[in-house]
N, C-alpha and C. Protein backbone atom coordinates (compact mmCIF):
# COMPACT_ATOMS: atom_id res chain seq x y z
N MET A 1 37.15 -21.58 13.93
CA MET A 1 36.15 -20.68 13.37
C MET A 1 34.77 -20.81 14.03
N PRO A 2 34.28 -22.04 14.26
CA PRO A 2 32.97 -22.14 14.94
C PRO A 2 32.97 -21.45 16.30
N ALA A 3 34.05 -21.56 17.06
CA ALA A 3 34.12 -20.93 18.38
C ALA A 3 34.06 -19.41 18.24
N ALA A 4 34.79 -18.90 17.24
CA ALA A 4 34.78 -17.44 17.02
C ALA A 4 33.39 -16.97 16.59
N ALA A 5 32.74 -17.77 15.74
CA ALA A 5 31.41 -17.42 15.29
C ALA A 5 30.42 -17.42 16.44
N ASN A 6 30.56 -18.42 17.31
CA ASN A 6 29.66 -18.49 18.47
C ASN A 6 29.86 -17.30 19.40
N ARG A 7 31.11 -16.90 19.56
CA ARG A 7 31.39 -15.75 20.43
C ARG A 7 30.77 -14.48 19.86
N ILE A 8 30.88 -14.30 18.54
CA ILE A 8 30.30 -13.13 17.90
C ILE A 8 28.78 -13.13 18.07
N GLU A 9 28.18 -14.31 17.94
CA GLU A 9 26.73 -14.41 18.12
C GLU A 9 26.32 -14.05 19.55
N ARG A 10 27.10 -14.52 20.51
CA ARG A 10 26.79 -14.21 21.92
C ARG A 10 26.92 -12.72 22.19
N LEU A 11 27.98 -12.12 21.63
CA LEU A 11 28.17 -10.68 21.82
C LEU A 11 27.02 -9.89 21.21
N GLN A 12 26.59 -10.31 20.01
CA GLN A 12 25.49 -9.61 19.36
C GLN A 12 24.18 -9.79 20.13
N ALA A 13 23.99 -11.00 20.66
CA ALA A 13 22.78 -11.26 21.44
C ALA A 13 22.75 -10.40 22.69
N THR A 14 23.90 -10.25 23.34
CA THR A 14 23.97 -9.42 24.54
C THR A 14 23.72 -7.96 24.20
N LYS A 15 24.30 -7.51 23.10
CA LYS A 15 24.08 -6.12 22.68
C LYS A 15 22.60 -5.87 22.40
N THR A 16 21.95 -6.84 21.78
CA THR A 16 20.52 -6.71 21.51
C THR A 16 19.71 -6.61 22.80
N LEU A 17 20.08 -7.43 23.79
CA LEU A 17 19.40 -7.38 25.08
C LEU A 17 19.55 -6.01 25.74
N ILE A 18 20.75 -5.45 25.64
CA ILE A 18 20.99 -4.12 26.23
C ILE A 18 20.16 -3.06 25.51
N LEU A 19 20.13 -3.13 24.19
CA LEU A 19 19.34 -2.17 23.41
C LEU A 19 17.85 -2.27 23.76
N GLU A 20 17.36 -3.48 23.89
CA GLU A 20 15.95 -3.66 24.22
C GLU A 20 15.64 -3.15 25.63
N ALA A 21 16.55 -3.41 26.55
CA ALA A 21 16.36 -2.91 27.92
C ALA A 21 16.40 -1.39 27.95
N ALA A 22 17.31 -0.81 27.18
CA ALA A 22 17.41 0.65 27.12
C ALA A 22 16.16 1.26 26.48
N ARG A 23 15.68 0.63 25.44
CA ARG A 23 14.44 1.10 24.81
C ARG A 23 13.30 1.11 25.81
N ASP A 24 13.16 0.04 26.58
CA ASP A 24 12.09 -0.03 27.58
C ASP A 24 12.26 1.04 28.66
N ALA A 25 13.50 1.30 29.04
CA ALA A 25 13.76 2.32 30.06
C ALA A 25 13.39 3.71 29.55
N VAL A 26 13.75 3.99 28.31
CA VAL A 26 13.43 5.30 27.73
C VAL A 26 11.92 5.44 27.55
N ALA A 27 11.26 4.36 27.17
CA ALA A 27 9.81 4.38 27.01
C ALA A 27 9.11 4.65 28.34
N LEU A 28 9.76 4.30 29.42
CA LEU A 28 9.18 4.49 30.75
C LEU A 28 9.46 5.87 31.32
N SER A 29 10.70 6.37 31.11
CA SER A 29 11.07 7.60 31.81
C SER A 29 11.84 8.62 30.97
N GLY A 30 12.08 8.37 29.70
CA GLY A 30 12.78 9.33 28.86
C GLY A 30 14.29 9.20 28.95
N TRP A 31 14.99 10.03 28.18
CA TRP A 31 16.46 9.95 28.12
C TRP A 31 17.11 10.28 29.46
N LYS A 32 16.68 11.36 30.06
CA LYS A 32 17.36 11.87 31.24
C LYS A 32 17.30 10.91 32.43
N ASP A 33 16.15 10.30 32.65
CA ASP A 33 15.95 9.50 33.86
C ASP A 33 16.21 8.00 33.67
N ALA A 34 16.50 7.59 32.45
CA ALA A 34 16.83 6.18 32.23
C ALA A 34 18.23 5.91 32.78
N GLN A 35 18.35 4.97 33.69
CA GLN A 35 19.62 4.70 34.39
C GLN A 35 20.34 3.48 33.83
N ILE A 36 21.64 3.64 33.58
CA ILE A 36 22.43 2.54 33.03
C ILE A 36 22.40 1.32 33.95
N ALA A 37 22.45 1.53 35.26
CA ALA A 37 22.46 0.41 36.19
C ALA A 37 21.19 -0.43 36.04
N LEU A 38 20.05 0.23 35.89
CA LEU A 38 18.79 -0.49 35.74
C LEU A 38 18.72 -1.19 34.38
N ILE A 39 19.25 -0.52 33.36
CA ILE A 39 19.28 -1.13 32.03
C ILE A 39 20.14 -2.39 32.05
N ALA A 40 21.30 -2.29 32.67
CA ALA A 40 22.20 -3.43 32.76
C ALA A 40 21.55 -4.59 33.51
N ALA A 41 20.89 -4.27 34.63
CA ALA A 41 20.24 -5.31 35.42
C ALA A 41 19.17 -6.03 34.60
N LYS A 42 18.38 -5.28 33.86
CA LYS A 42 17.33 -5.89 33.06
C LYS A 42 17.90 -6.74 31.94
N ALA A 43 19.05 -6.31 31.40
CA ALA A 43 19.70 -7.06 30.33
C ALA A 43 20.49 -8.26 30.86
N GLY A 44 20.68 -8.30 32.19
CA GLY A 44 21.40 -9.41 32.78
C GLY A 44 22.90 -9.30 32.67
N VAL A 45 23.42 -8.07 32.65
CA VAL A 45 24.87 -7.87 32.57
C VAL A 45 25.30 -6.90 33.66
N ALA A 46 26.59 -6.87 33.93
CA ALA A 46 27.12 -5.91 34.90
C ALA A 46 27.07 -4.50 34.30
N THR A 47 26.94 -3.51 35.16
CA THR A 47 26.84 -2.13 34.68
C THR A 47 28.02 -1.76 33.80
N GLY A 48 29.22 -2.12 34.23
CA GLY A 48 30.41 -1.78 33.45
C GLY A 48 30.45 -2.48 32.10
N SER A 49 29.78 -3.62 32.00
CA SER A 49 29.80 -4.37 30.74
C SER A 49 29.08 -3.64 29.62
N VAL A 50 28.17 -2.75 29.97
CA VAL A 50 27.45 -1.99 28.94
C VAL A 50 28.43 -1.25 28.05
N TYR A 51 29.53 -0.77 28.67
CA TYR A 51 30.49 0.04 27.91
C TYR A 51 31.46 -0.79 27.09
N ARG A 52 31.30 -2.10 27.14
CA ARG A 52 32.02 -2.95 26.19
C ARG A 52 31.35 -2.90 24.82
N TYR A 53 30.07 -2.56 24.83
CA TYR A 53 29.27 -2.57 23.59
C TYR A 53 28.97 -1.17 23.07
N PHE A 54 29.04 -0.18 23.95
CA PHE A 54 28.71 1.20 23.57
C PHE A 54 29.74 2.14 24.15
N ASP A 55 30.13 3.13 23.37
CA ASP A 55 31.19 4.04 23.81
C ASP A 55 30.77 4.89 24.99
N SER A 56 29.49 5.18 25.10
CA SER A 56 29.00 6.05 26.17
C SER A 56 27.50 5.84 26.31
N LYS A 57 26.94 6.46 27.32
CA LYS A 57 25.48 6.43 27.50
C LYS A 57 24.79 7.08 26.30
N ALA A 58 25.36 8.18 25.83
CA ALA A 58 24.77 8.87 24.67
C ALA A 58 24.82 7.99 23.43
N ASP A 59 25.91 7.24 23.27
CA ASP A 59 26.03 6.33 22.12
C ASP A 59 24.97 5.24 22.20
N LEU A 60 24.75 4.69 23.38
CA LEU A 60 23.70 3.69 23.58
C LEU A 60 22.34 4.26 23.18
N TYR A 61 22.03 5.44 23.67
CA TYR A 61 20.72 6.03 23.40
C TYR A 61 20.56 6.42 21.93
N ALA A 62 21.66 6.85 21.30
CA ALA A 62 21.59 7.17 19.88
C ALA A 62 21.26 5.92 19.08
N GLN A 63 21.81 4.79 19.49
CA GLN A 63 21.52 3.54 18.79
C GLN A 63 20.10 3.06 19.08
N VAL A 64 19.61 3.32 20.28
CA VAL A 64 18.21 3.02 20.59
C VAL A 64 17.30 3.84 19.68
N LEU A 65 17.59 5.13 19.56
CA LEU A 65 16.77 5.99 18.71
C LEU A 65 16.79 5.49 17.26
N ALA A 66 17.97 5.12 16.78
CA ALA A 66 18.08 4.64 15.41
C ALA A 66 17.28 3.36 15.20
N LEU A 67 17.33 2.47 16.19
CA LEU A 67 16.62 1.20 16.10
C LEU A 67 15.11 1.40 16.07
N VAL A 68 14.61 2.19 17.01
CA VAL A 68 13.16 2.40 17.11
C VAL A 68 12.64 3.23 15.93
N SER A 69 13.37 4.26 15.57
CA SER A 69 12.90 5.13 14.50
C SER A 69 12.88 4.42 13.16
N GLN A 70 13.78 3.46 12.96
CA GLN A 70 13.78 2.72 11.69
C GLN A 70 12.47 1.98 11.50
N ARG A 71 11.93 1.45 12.59
CA ARG A 71 10.64 0.77 12.49
C ARG A 71 9.55 1.74 12.06
N GLU A 72 9.58 2.95 12.59
CA GLU A 72 8.57 3.94 12.21
C GLU A 72 8.72 4.34 10.74
N VAL A 73 9.95 4.47 10.29
CA VAL A 73 10.19 4.79 8.88
C VAL A 73 9.71 3.63 8.01
N ASP A 74 9.91 2.41 8.45
CA ASP A 74 9.48 1.25 7.67
C ASP A 74 7.96 1.21 7.52
N VAL A 75 7.23 1.57 8.59
CA VAL A 75 5.77 1.60 8.51
C VAL A 75 5.32 2.63 7.48
N VAL A 76 5.92 3.82 7.51
CA VAL A 76 5.58 4.85 6.53
C VAL A 76 5.94 4.38 5.13
N ARG A 77 7.08 3.73 4.98
CA ARG A 77 7.50 3.25 3.66
C ARG A 77 6.49 2.24 3.11
N GLU A 78 6.00 1.36 3.96
CA GLU A 78 5.02 0.36 3.51
C GLU A 78 3.75 1.04 2.99
N ILE A 79 3.34 2.13 3.62
CA ILE A 79 2.16 2.85 3.16
C ILE A 79 2.45 3.57 1.85
N VAL A 80 3.61 4.18 1.75
CA VAL A 80 4.00 4.86 0.51
C VAL A 80 4.02 3.87 -0.65
N ASP A 81 4.47 2.65 -0.40
CA ASP A 81 4.59 1.64 -1.45
C ASP A 81 3.27 0.92 -1.76
N SER A 82 2.21 1.23 -1.03
CA SER A 82 0.93 0.55 -1.25
C SER A 82 0.19 1.17 -2.43
N GLU A 83 -0.98 0.61 -2.73
CA GLU A 83 -1.78 1.09 -3.84
C GLU A 83 -2.70 2.23 -3.39
N GLY A 84 -3.20 2.99 -4.37
CA GLY A 84 -4.17 4.02 -4.07
C GLY A 84 -3.69 5.41 -4.43
N PRO A 85 -4.59 6.39 -4.39
CA PRO A 85 -4.22 7.77 -4.70
C PRO A 85 -3.14 8.28 -3.75
N ALA A 86 -2.28 9.14 -4.26
CA ALA A 86 -1.20 9.67 -3.43
C ALA A 86 -1.75 10.45 -2.25
N ALA A 87 -2.84 11.19 -2.46
CA ALA A 87 -3.42 11.97 -1.37
C ALA A 87 -3.89 11.07 -0.23
N GLN A 88 -4.54 9.96 -0.58
CA GLN A 88 -5.01 9.04 0.46
C GLN A 88 -3.83 8.41 1.20
N ARG A 89 -2.80 8.04 0.46
CA ARG A 89 -1.64 7.42 1.11
C ARG A 89 -0.89 8.42 1.99
N LEU A 90 -0.86 9.68 1.58
CA LEU A 90 -0.21 10.69 2.42
C LEU A 90 -0.96 10.85 3.74
N VAL A 91 -2.27 10.95 3.67
CA VAL A 91 -3.06 11.07 4.89
C VAL A 91 -2.90 9.82 5.75
N ASP A 92 -2.93 8.65 5.12
CA ASP A 92 -2.76 7.39 5.86
C ASP A 92 -1.42 7.35 6.58
N ALA A 93 -0.37 7.77 5.87
CA ALA A 93 0.97 7.72 6.44
C ALA A 93 1.08 8.63 7.67
N ILE A 94 0.56 9.85 7.56
CA ILE A 94 0.63 10.79 8.68
C ILE A 94 -0.26 10.33 9.82
N TYR A 95 -1.45 9.86 9.49
CA TYR A 95 -2.37 9.40 10.53
C TYR A 95 -1.80 8.20 11.27
N SER A 96 -1.26 7.24 10.54
CA SER A 96 -0.68 6.05 11.18
C SER A 96 0.50 6.42 12.06
N PHE A 97 1.37 7.29 11.55
CA PHE A 97 2.52 7.74 12.34
C PHE A 97 2.04 8.42 13.62
N SER A 98 1.07 9.32 13.48
CA SER A 98 0.59 10.08 14.62
C SER A 98 -0.11 9.19 15.64
N LEU A 99 -0.90 8.24 15.18
CA LEU A 99 -1.62 7.36 16.09
C LEU A 99 -0.65 6.44 16.82
N ARG A 100 0.35 5.93 16.12
CA ARG A 100 1.36 5.11 16.77
C ARG A 100 2.09 5.92 17.85
N ALA A 101 2.39 7.17 17.52
CA ALA A 101 3.06 8.03 18.50
C ALA A 101 2.18 8.24 19.73
N MET A 102 0.90 8.48 19.52
CA MET A 102 0.00 8.73 20.64
C MET A 102 -0.19 7.48 21.49
N ARG A 103 -0.04 6.32 20.89
CA ARG A 103 -0.18 5.08 21.65
C ARG A 103 1.07 4.76 22.46
N GLY A 104 2.19 5.29 22.06
CA GLY A 104 3.44 5.10 22.79
C GLY A 104 4.06 6.44 23.11
N ARG A 105 3.31 7.24 23.86
CA ARG A 105 3.61 8.66 24.00
C ARG A 105 5.00 8.94 24.58
N ARG A 106 5.39 8.26 25.62
CA ARG A 106 6.66 8.60 26.28
C ARG A 106 7.84 8.34 25.37
N LEU A 107 7.82 7.21 24.69
CA LEU A 107 8.92 6.89 23.79
C LEU A 107 8.89 7.82 22.58
N ALA A 108 7.70 8.09 22.06
CA ALA A 108 7.59 8.98 20.90
C ALA A 108 8.09 10.38 21.23
N TYR A 109 7.78 10.86 22.44
CA TYR A 109 8.26 12.18 22.84
C TYR A 109 9.79 12.20 22.88
N ALA A 110 10.39 11.13 23.38
CA ALA A 110 11.85 11.04 23.41
C ALA A 110 12.42 11.06 21.99
N LEU A 111 11.77 10.37 21.07
CA LEU A 111 12.25 10.31 19.70
C LEU A 111 12.13 11.65 18.98
N ILE A 112 11.08 12.41 19.32
CA ILE A 112 10.75 13.60 18.55
C ILE A 112 11.25 14.90 19.18
N ALA A 113 11.09 15.05 20.50
CA ALA A 113 11.24 16.39 21.06
C ALA A 113 11.98 16.52 22.37
N GLU A 114 12.15 15.47 23.13
CA GLU A 114 12.74 15.62 24.46
C GLU A 114 14.17 16.16 24.38
N PRO A 115 14.53 17.15 25.20
CA PRO A 115 15.91 17.63 25.22
C PRO A 115 16.89 16.47 25.43
N CYS A 116 17.99 16.52 24.70
CA CYS A 116 18.91 15.38 24.75
C CYS A 116 20.32 15.82 24.39
N GLU A 117 21.26 14.90 24.47
CA GLU A 117 22.65 15.19 24.15
C GLU A 117 22.86 15.25 22.64
N PRO A 118 23.94 15.92 22.19
CA PRO A 118 24.16 16.11 20.76
C PRO A 118 24.16 14.81 19.94
N GLU A 119 24.73 13.74 20.50
CA GLU A 119 24.77 12.48 19.75
C GLU A 119 23.36 11.95 19.47
N ILE A 120 22.49 12.11 20.45
CA ILE A 120 21.11 11.65 20.28
C ILE A 120 20.39 12.56 19.30
N ASP A 121 20.63 13.85 19.40
CA ASP A 121 19.97 14.79 18.50
C ASP A 121 20.39 14.57 17.06
N ALA A 122 21.65 14.18 16.85
CA ALA A 122 22.12 13.89 15.49
C ALA A 122 21.35 12.70 14.90
N ALA A 123 21.12 11.68 15.73
CA ALA A 123 20.34 10.52 15.28
C ALA A 123 18.89 10.94 15.01
N ARG A 124 18.37 11.85 15.82
CA ARG A 124 17.01 12.35 15.63
C ARG A 124 16.87 13.06 14.30
N LEU A 125 17.86 13.85 13.92
CA LEU A 125 17.82 14.55 12.64
C LEU A 125 17.84 13.57 11.47
N GLN A 126 18.60 12.49 11.62
CA GLN A 126 18.61 11.46 10.59
C GLN A 126 17.24 10.81 10.46
N TYR A 127 16.57 10.62 11.59
CA TYR A 127 15.22 10.06 11.62
C TYR A 127 14.25 10.94 10.85
N ARG A 128 14.29 12.23 11.13
CA ARG A 128 13.40 13.16 10.43
C ARG A 128 13.70 13.17 8.93
N ALA A 129 14.98 13.11 8.58
CA ALA A 129 15.36 13.11 7.17
C ALA A 129 14.85 11.86 6.47
N ALA A 130 14.92 10.71 7.15
CA ALA A 130 14.44 9.46 6.57
C ALA A 130 12.93 9.50 6.36
N LEU A 131 12.20 10.05 7.32
CA LEU A 131 10.76 10.22 7.14
C LEU A 131 10.47 11.17 5.97
N GLY A 132 11.23 12.26 5.91
CA GLY A 132 11.05 13.21 4.83
C GLY A 132 11.29 12.59 3.47
N ASP A 133 12.25 11.69 3.38
CA ASP A 133 12.53 11.02 2.10
C ASP A 133 11.32 10.23 1.62
N GLN A 134 10.63 9.58 2.56
CA GLN A 134 9.45 8.81 2.18
C GLN A 134 8.31 9.72 1.75
N ILE A 135 8.12 10.81 2.47
CA ILE A 135 7.08 11.77 2.10
C ILE A 135 7.39 12.39 0.74
N ALA A 136 8.66 12.66 0.47
CA ALA A 136 9.06 13.23 -0.82
C ALA A 136 8.69 12.30 -1.98
N ARG A 137 8.82 11.00 -1.76
CA ARG A 137 8.43 10.05 -2.81
C ARG A 137 6.95 10.18 -3.14
N LEU A 138 6.14 10.38 -2.10
CA LEU A 138 4.70 10.56 -2.32
C LEU A 138 4.41 11.88 -3.02
N VAL A 139 5.15 12.91 -2.68
CA VAL A 139 4.95 14.21 -3.32
C VAL A 139 5.19 14.09 -4.82
N VAL A 140 6.26 13.41 -5.20
CA VAL A 140 6.56 13.22 -6.62
C VAL A 140 5.40 12.52 -7.32
N GLN A 141 4.88 11.48 -6.68
CA GLN A 141 3.77 10.73 -7.27
C GLN A 141 2.51 11.58 -7.35
N GLY A 142 2.25 12.36 -6.30
CA GLY A 142 1.05 13.21 -6.28
C GLY A 142 1.10 14.32 -7.31
N ILE A 143 2.28 14.86 -7.55
CA ILE A 143 2.44 15.88 -8.58
C ILE A 143 2.18 15.26 -9.96
N ALA A 144 2.74 14.08 -10.17
CA ALA A 144 2.59 13.40 -11.46
C ALA A 144 1.13 13.06 -11.75
N SER A 145 0.37 12.74 -10.71
CA SER A 145 -1.03 12.36 -10.90
C SER A 145 -1.97 13.56 -10.93
N GLY A 146 -1.42 14.74 -10.65
CA GLY A 146 -2.24 15.94 -10.63
C GLY A 146 -2.96 16.20 -9.32
N GLU A 147 -2.67 15.41 -8.30
CA GLU A 147 -3.33 15.58 -7.00
C GLU A 147 -2.71 16.70 -6.18
N PHE A 148 -1.40 16.92 -6.35
CA PHE A 148 -0.69 17.89 -5.54
C PHE A 148 -0.24 19.07 -6.40
N ILE A 149 -0.07 20.22 -5.75
CA ILE A 149 0.47 21.37 -6.43
C ILE A 149 1.91 21.09 -6.84
N GLU A 150 2.38 21.80 -7.86
CA GLU A 150 3.74 21.57 -8.34
C GLU A 150 4.71 22.37 -7.48
N VAL A 151 5.47 21.65 -6.69
CA VAL A 151 6.44 22.25 -5.78
C VAL A 151 7.68 21.38 -5.77
N ASP A 152 8.75 21.91 -5.19
CA ASP A 152 9.95 21.11 -5.00
C ASP A 152 9.62 19.99 -4.01
N PRO A 153 9.77 18.73 -4.40
CA PRO A 153 9.39 17.61 -3.52
C PRO A 153 10.13 17.61 -2.19
N GLY A 154 11.42 17.96 -2.22
CA GLY A 154 12.18 17.95 -0.98
C GLY A 154 11.71 19.02 -0.01
N VAL A 155 11.46 20.22 -0.53
CA VAL A 155 10.97 21.31 0.32
C VAL A 155 9.58 20.97 0.85
N ALA A 156 8.73 20.46 -0.02
CA ALA A 156 7.37 20.10 0.39
C ALA A 156 7.39 19.03 1.47
N ALA A 157 8.24 18.04 1.29
CA ALA A 157 8.32 16.96 2.27
C ALA A 157 8.81 17.48 3.62
N SER A 158 9.76 18.42 3.60
CA SER A 158 10.24 19.01 4.84
C SER A 158 9.12 19.78 5.55
N CYS A 159 8.31 20.50 4.76
CA CYS A 159 7.20 21.26 5.35
C CYS A 159 6.17 20.32 5.98
N VAL A 160 5.81 19.27 5.26
CA VAL A 160 4.80 18.34 5.77
C VAL A 160 5.32 17.61 6.99
N THR A 161 6.55 17.09 6.91
CA THR A 161 7.13 16.34 8.03
C THR A 161 7.27 17.24 9.25
N GLY A 162 7.76 18.45 9.04
CA GLY A 162 7.89 19.38 10.15
C GLY A 162 6.56 19.71 10.78
N ALA A 163 5.53 19.84 9.94
CA ALA A 163 4.20 20.19 10.45
C ALA A 163 3.63 19.09 11.33
N PHE A 164 3.65 17.85 10.87
CA PHE A 164 3.01 16.82 11.69
C PHE A 164 3.84 16.45 12.92
N MET A 165 5.16 16.54 12.82
CA MET A 165 5.96 16.23 14.00
C MET A 165 5.84 17.35 15.05
N GLU A 166 5.83 18.59 14.60
CA GLU A 166 5.68 19.70 15.55
C GLU A 166 4.30 19.67 16.20
N ALA A 167 3.28 19.29 15.44
CA ALA A 167 1.92 19.24 15.99
C ALA A 167 1.79 18.22 17.11
N LEU A 168 2.66 17.22 17.12
CA LEU A 168 2.59 16.16 18.12
C LEU A 168 3.35 16.48 19.40
N VAL A 169 4.20 17.49 19.38
CA VAL A 169 5.06 17.76 20.53
C VAL A 169 4.25 18.00 21.80
N GLY A 170 3.26 18.88 21.72
CA GLY A 170 2.45 19.18 22.90
C GLY A 170 1.68 17.98 23.42
N PRO A 171 0.93 17.28 22.56
CA PRO A 171 0.17 16.12 23.02
C PRO A 171 1.04 14.99 23.55
N LEU A 172 2.29 14.90 23.11
CA LEU A 172 3.18 13.83 23.56
C LEU A 172 3.93 14.18 24.84
N ALA A 173 3.95 15.45 25.22
CA ALA A 173 4.71 15.88 26.39
C ALA A 173 4.25 15.12 27.64
N PRO A 174 5.17 14.86 28.56
CA PRO A 174 4.83 14.07 29.76
C PRO A 174 3.66 14.62 30.55
N GLU A 175 3.50 15.94 30.55
CA GLU A 175 2.42 16.52 31.35
C GLU A 175 1.05 16.40 30.68
N ALA A 176 1.03 16.08 29.39
CA ALA A 176 -0.24 15.89 28.68
C ALA A 176 -0.80 14.51 28.99
N VAL A 177 -2.12 14.44 29.12
CA VAL A 177 -2.74 13.14 29.45
C VAL A 177 -3.99 12.91 28.60
N PRO A 178 -3.84 12.86 27.28
CA PRO A 178 -5.01 12.63 26.44
C PRO A 178 -5.52 11.20 26.58
N ASP A 179 -6.86 11.05 26.58
CA ASP A 179 -7.40 9.69 26.60
C ASP A 179 -7.39 9.13 25.19
N SER A 180 -7.87 7.89 25.02
CA SER A 180 -7.76 7.23 23.72
C SER A 180 -8.56 7.96 22.64
N ASP A 181 -9.73 8.49 23.00
CA ASP A 181 -10.54 9.22 22.01
C ASP A 181 -9.85 10.51 21.60
N SER A 182 -9.27 11.21 22.57
CA SER A 182 -8.55 12.45 22.26
C SER A 182 -7.32 12.15 21.40
N ALA A 183 -6.63 11.06 21.69
CA ALA A 183 -5.45 10.69 20.92
C ALA A 183 -5.81 10.45 19.47
N LYS A 184 -6.91 9.77 19.24
CA LYS A 184 -7.35 9.50 17.87
C LYS A 184 -7.73 10.79 17.16
N ALA A 185 -8.41 11.68 17.87
CA ALA A 185 -8.81 12.95 17.28
C ALA A 185 -7.58 13.80 16.93
N ILE A 186 -6.57 13.77 17.79
CA ILE A 186 -5.34 14.51 17.52
C ILE A 186 -4.65 13.97 16.28
N ALA A 187 -4.61 12.65 16.16
CA ALA A 187 -3.99 12.04 14.98
C ALA A 187 -4.75 12.39 13.72
N GLN A 188 -6.07 12.41 13.80
CA GLN A 188 -6.90 12.75 12.64
C GLN A 188 -6.67 14.20 12.20
N THR A 189 -6.68 15.10 13.17
CA THR A 189 -6.49 16.52 12.85
C THR A 189 -5.10 16.76 12.28
N THR A 190 -4.11 16.15 12.88
CA THR A 190 -2.73 16.31 12.40
C THR A 190 -2.60 15.85 10.96
N ALA A 191 -3.17 14.68 10.66
CA ALA A 191 -3.07 14.14 9.30
C ALA A 191 -3.80 15.03 8.30
N SER A 192 -4.99 15.46 8.64
CA SER A 192 -5.78 16.28 7.72
C SER A 192 -5.11 17.61 7.41
N LEU A 193 -4.62 18.28 8.43
CA LEU A 193 -4.04 19.61 8.23
C LEU A 193 -2.66 19.54 7.57
N ALA A 194 -1.83 18.59 7.98
CA ALA A 194 -0.48 18.51 7.43
C ALA A 194 -0.50 18.13 5.95
N ALA A 195 -1.45 17.29 5.56
CA ALA A 195 -1.53 16.87 4.16
C ALA A 195 -2.16 17.93 3.27
N ARG A 196 -3.05 18.72 3.84
CA ARG A 196 -3.86 19.65 3.05
C ARG A 196 -3.02 20.67 2.30
N MET A 197 -1.86 21.03 2.80
CA MET A 197 -1.04 22.05 2.15
C MET A 197 -0.60 21.65 0.74
N LEU A 198 -0.68 20.36 0.42
CA LEU A 198 -0.22 19.91 -0.89
C LEU A 198 -1.33 19.72 -1.91
N PHE A 199 -2.59 19.68 -1.46
CA PHE A 199 -3.68 19.37 -2.37
C PHE A 199 -3.85 20.47 -3.42
N ARG A 200 -3.94 20.06 -4.67
CA ARG A 200 -4.11 21.03 -5.76
C ARG A 200 -5.48 21.69 -5.70
N HIS A 201 -6.49 20.91 -5.39
CA HIS A 201 -7.85 21.43 -5.34
C HIS A 201 -8.33 21.42 -3.90
N ALA A 202 -9.60 21.66 -3.70
CA ALA A 202 -10.17 21.61 -2.36
C ALA A 202 -9.89 20.23 -1.76
N ALA A 203 -9.72 20.19 -0.47
CA ALA A 203 -9.38 18.92 0.19
C ALA A 203 -10.39 17.84 -0.17
N PRO A 204 -9.91 16.73 -0.75
CA PRO A 204 -10.84 15.65 -1.09
C PRO A 204 -11.36 14.97 0.16
N LYS A 205 -12.49 14.29 0.02
CA LYS A 205 -13.03 13.54 1.14
C LYS A 205 -12.27 12.22 1.26
N LEU A 206 -11.40 12.17 2.23
CA LEU A 206 -10.54 11.01 2.41
C LEU A 206 -10.93 10.26 3.67
N LYS A 207 -10.84 8.97 3.59
CA LYS A 207 -11.12 8.13 4.75
C LYS A 207 -9.83 7.96 5.55
N LEU A 208 -9.89 8.33 6.83
CA LEU A 208 -8.71 8.19 7.68
C LEU A 208 -8.57 6.74 8.10
N VAL A 209 -7.48 6.14 7.69
CA VAL A 209 -7.24 4.72 7.97
C VAL A 209 -5.87 4.57 8.61
N SER A 210 -5.81 3.85 9.73
CA SER A 210 -4.51 3.54 10.33
C SER A 210 -4.05 2.20 9.82
N ARG A 211 -2.96 2.22 9.07
CA ARG A 211 -2.41 0.97 8.57
C ARG A 211 -1.14 0.63 9.32
N ASP A 212 -1.13 0.96 10.60
CA ASP A 212 0.08 0.76 11.39
C ASP A 212 0.23 -0.71 11.77
N ALA A 213 1.50 -1.13 11.84
CA ALA A 213 1.83 -2.47 12.29
C ALA A 213 2.09 -2.43 13.78
N PRO A 214 1.95 -3.54 14.47
CA PRO A 214 2.19 -3.54 15.92
C PRO A 214 3.65 -3.31 16.24
């Protein structure tokens, strides 16, 4: 049993190395230009060995997307679970998401908008749904507190999530080159406008705070 357990640990460790190498490759050049041979070399395995752990290149990339996107969902969840008015937390969540995306533009573009294979796109839809679930929790709280208009939480969350993710597509595109000040301004505008559709009254004066984790 110890030998079998050690083998499983080694296999998992190797799979993790491949996923990390693939993530770095996608962050550098996107889905299309990330090469399996380079990923394998960085992970310290033979090119053919990659397919011992993943059914295909698309399967590898779908798992990369799931791994990276879960961290982004976790950051939003932490903000949703924090204290404070629902309106402030909604703005914080969108602002933090947007600023993190602008700081890691190439990888964020791959996660959100870059053309990709169906397996990767299916993982992307799950990512958007998971983000929407967190926003929906805030909508429920905001309605209960009287901060938000009374709407279907699921529909509202889809509208808000779609708005801030679509707003980021252009600024994240490879040909865009916003500097750090522009990136912050884009995140601020995205957060303010995407959240405003839910406010019951005139937009409150909210402090834009990035509560993103590294």
